[in-house]
Every structure is written in structure tokens, then in C-alpha cells.
Amino acid sequence: MKVLVISDTHGIVYDAERIIKKYEKNIQMCIHLGDLVKDAIYLQSRFPNLKFEIVRGNNDFTKDFPAEKIIELGDKKILITHGHMYSVKSTYDLIVNHAKAFRVDACFFGHTHQQEEFYSDSILFLNPGSLAFSRDGSRSFAIAEVTPYGVVAYLEKV
């Protein structure tokens, strides 16, 4: 199963829409990690046949979506969150400990506007970066693939 993972669109959905069109035949889901939920709602309306999972970020002022959740894809558990509640701009310790406590296979987060992929105790931590305002010079997203052996990520640039 392949999943498109995006975050931090901040009202600029052109690239997200273009990427979904490009990959929609090869992905089963789109995960939007917050900032802005309204962008995810718009994308969901444009692609009604694609399943969306959405969490809110620090710039989302709605309680209609959770700040985090655990989703199950196949036999794998994935924690999805924006990341701001775990101070990911300064340390990964809090989010790593949180994910370990839930015994997930992967944790997807955003907030830093920078792509990141690392493992801790065999848990994949994935930040797709930002499709709007990248802090490393290039707008980005990720494709995550859930296999019987684990969750792997492919970091992509626009």
C-alpha cells in the first residue's frame, strides 16, 4: 500500500493538487499533517475517491480534527501528528518517546518545513517537509509504502 504524505500547505494547494493527480492511480491514501486543515478539506473534495487522513496543526483553529491519531494500514500502526506539541523544531526526543509508548511502526509529523527520515528502535520517523514554504529551499512531500516487512519512505521534491 502506498500513501502520499503532505504537510504545511499553508493555503497553497497548487502543488498538492498536481502531485495527487500525478500519483492518484498508485496511492491508496493521502495523509495531511496539518497547517492547514482547510487545504486538506479542499483536496478531499477535489479527489472524492481517495481516502484522506487529516490532523490539525498549530495554525489550525478548529477542533473538528484531532491533533494526532493512530491509523492502521495493513498490519502496521502509524502515529500521525503535526509535531508542534512535541517541540520537533528543537528536539526529537519527545516525539520519539511518545511514538515508542504507543508501540507504533511509524510516526509521520510535519511542522519544521524540512524533510526528515530517521529510525529509532525500528520505528520510522517521517517528515515530508512543506509544499508551501520549505526551510531547506525546495518544496517537498513523501510517499510511504507499507509492506509486510515494515514502512518505508521515499522523500520527494517538487
Protein backbone atom coordinates (compact mmCIF):
# COMPACT_ATOMS: atom_id res chain seq x y z
CA MET A 1 0.00 0.00 0.00
CA LYS A 2 1.33 3.43 -0.97
CA VAL A 3 0.38 6.64 0.80
CA LEU A 4 1.04 10.27 -0.13
CA VAL A 5 2.20 12.24 2.92
CA ILE A 6 1.99 16.04 2.83
CA SER A 7 2.18 18.81 5.39
CA ASP A 8 2.30 22.55 5.85
CA THR A 9 0.49 23.61 2.68
CA HIS A 10 -0.49 26.93 4.34
CA GLY A 11 -3.21 27.83 1.83
CA ILE A 12 -1.17 27.00 -1.26
CA VAL A 13 -2.65 23.85 -2.78
CA TYR A 14 -1.48 24.03 -6.38
CA ASP A 15 1.46 21.64 -5.93
CA ALA A 16 -0.55 19.30 -3.72
CA GLU A 17 -3.29 19.08 -6.32
CA ARG A 18 -0.77 18.46 -9.11
CA ILE A 19 1.03 15.77 -7.09
CA ILE A 20 -2.20 13.96 -6.21
CA LYS A 21 -3.20 13.96 -9.89
CA LYS A 22 0.21 12.51 -10.78
CA TYR A 23 0.13 9.74 -8.16
CA GLU A 24 -3.58 9.07 -7.64
CA LYS A 25 -3.56 5.77 -9.59
CA ASN A 26 -0.66 4.47 -7.48
CA ILE A 27 -1.65 5.61 -3.98
CA GLN A 28 -4.44 4.41 -1.73
CA MET A 29 -4.48 7.34 0.69
CA CYS A 30 -3.36 10.92 1.29
CA ILE A 31 -2.27 11.96 4.77
CA HIS A 32 -2.25 15.69 5.53
CA LEU A 33 -0.32 16.53 8.68
CA GLY A 34 -1.82 19.94 9.34
CA ASP A 35 -1.31 23.58 8.59
CA LEU A 36 -3.88 24.00 7.01
CA VAL A 37 -6.80 21.63 7.53
CA LYS A 38 -8.90 23.70 5.10
CA ASP A 39 -6.42 22.76 2.35
CA ALA A 40 -6.91 19.08 3.12
CA ILE A 41 -10.69 19.51 3.05
CA TYR A 42 -10.43 21.21 -0.34
CA LEU A 43 -8.19 18.45 -1.70
CA GLN A 44 -10.56 15.82 -0.35
CA SER A 45 -13.43 17.47 -2.25
CA ARG A 46 -11.34 17.50 -5.45
CA PHE A 47 -10.42 13.81 -5.10
CA PRO A 48 -13.50 12.14 -3.58
CA ASN A 49 -12.34 8.62 -4.48
CA LEU A 50 -9.14 8.97 -2.48
CA LYS A 51 -9.16 8.30 1.26
CA PHE A 52 -7.77 11.14 3.39
CA GLU A 53 -6.45 11.14 6.94
CA ILE A 54 -6.12 14.62 8.43
CA VAL A 55 -4.73 16.04 11.68
CA ARG A 56 -4.64 19.67 12.70
CA GLY A 57 -1.54 21.76 13.21
CA ASN A 58 -0.61 24.82 15.23
CA ASN A 59 -2.17 27.14 12.61
CA ASP A 60 -5.46 25.23 12.50
CA PHE A 61 -8.01 26.78 14.79
CA THR A 62 -10.65 24.08 14.55
CA LYS A 63 -11.42 21.25 16.91
CA ASP A 64 -13.11 19.27 14.13
CA PHE A 65 -9.92 17.28 13.56
CA PRO A 66 -7.68 15.61 16.13
CA ALA A 67 -4.19 16.86 16.88
CA GLU A 68 -2.94 13.31 16.44
CA LYS A 69 -4.20 9.83 15.79
CA ILE A 70 -3.03 6.32 15.19
CA ILE A 71 -4.09 4.76 11.93
CA GLU A 72 -3.71 1.15 10.88
CA LEU A 73 -2.53 0.33 7.40
CA GLY A 74 -2.42 -3.37 6.83
CA ASP A 75 -0.90 -4.76 9.99
CA LYS A 76 1.15 -1.62 10.69
CA LYS A 77 0.31 1.16 13.16
CA ILE A 78 1.23 4.71 12.26
CA LEU A 79 1.06 7.74 14.54
CA ILE A 80 0.21 10.90 12.60
CA THR A 81 0.61 14.34 14.18
CA HIS A 82 1.69 17.82 13.17
CA GLY A 83 4.59 17.74 15.62
CA HIS A 84 4.31 21.13 17.31
CA MET A 85 3.13 19.57 20.58
CA TYR A 86 6.45 17.70 20.77
CA SER A 87 8.84 20.62 20.12
CA VAL A 88 10.17 18.99 16.95
CA LYS A 89 11.87 22.22 15.90
CA SER A 90 14.34 21.83 18.77
CA THR A 91 14.45 18.11 19.61
CA TYR A 92 13.08 14.77 18.51
CA ASP A 93 13.27 13.24 21.98
CA LEU A 94 9.63 13.95 22.92
CA ILE A 95 8.09 12.63 19.71
CA VAL A 96 10.34 9.58 19.72
CA ASN A 97 9.36 8.71 23.30
CA HIS A 98 5.68 9.34 22.52
CA ALA A 99 5.76 7.05 19.49
CA LYS A 100 7.61 4.35 21.41
CA ALA A 101 4.98 4.47 24.16
CA PHE A 102 2.30 3.63 21.58
CA ARG A 103 4.41 0.87 20.03
CA VAL A 104 3.80 2.12 16.51
CA ASP A 105 5.66 1.05 13.39
CA ALA A 106 5.97 4.60 12.09
CA CYS A 107 5.37 8.22 13.08
CA PHE A 108 4.59 10.90 10.49
CA PHE A 109 4.93 14.54 11.51
CA GLY A 110 5.43 17.99 9.98
CA HIS A 111 5.83 21.50 11.46
CA THR A 112 9.56 22.03 10.72
CA HIS A 113 9.06 22.57 6.96
CA GLN A 114 12.10 20.35 6.37
CA GLN A 115 12.17 16.80 5.08
CA GLU A 116 13.45 14.26 7.54
CA GLU A 117 13.59 10.50 7.75
CA PHE A 118 15.19 8.51 10.52
CA TYR A 119 14.68 5.35 12.56
CA SER A 120 14.71 4.91 16.29
CA ASP A 121 14.26 1.41 17.73
CA SER A 122 13.00 0.25 14.30
CA ILE A 123 10.26 2.95 14.22
CA LEU A 124 10.29 5.06 11.05
CA PHE A 125 10.01 8.81 11.70
CA LEU A 126 9.00 10.73 8.61
CA ASN A 127 8.58 14.44 7.98
CA PRO A 128 7.55 15.18 4.37
CA GLY A 129 8.63 18.83 4.61
CA SER A 130 6.41 21.61 3.29
CA LEU A 131 4.67 22.05 -0.04
CA ALA A 132 4.41 25.80 0.53
CA PHE A 133 7.28 27.30 2.48
CA SER A 134 10.26 24.99 2.64
CA ARG A 135 13.04 25.90 5.02
CA ASP A 136 15.63 23.95 3.04
CA GLY A 137 14.98 25.60 -0.31
CA SER A 138 12.73 23.09 -2.06
CA ARG A 139 9.06 22.25 -1.61
CA SER A 140 8.63 18.61 -0.75
CA PHE A 141 6.42 15.64 0.08
CA ALA A 142 6.83 11.93 0.71
CA ILE A 143 5.45 8.62 -0.45
CA ALA A 144 5.25 5.98 2.28
CA GLU A 145 4.89 2.35 1.39
CA VAL A 146 3.50 -0.15 3.84
CA THR A 147 4.90 -3.62 3.24
CA PRO A 148 4.69 -6.85 5.23
CA TYR A 149 8.23 -6.08 6.42
CA GLY A 150 7.64 -2.51 7.58
CA VAL A 151 7.03 1.04 6.46
CA VAL A 152 9.49 2.66 4.05
CA ALA A 153 9.59 6.25 2.85
CA TYR A 154 10.55 7.93 -0.38
CA LEU A 155 11.36 11.61 0.03
CA GLU A 156 10.38 13.69 -3.00
CA LYS A 157 10.92 17.27 -4.13
CA VAL A 158 8.59 19.35 -6.29
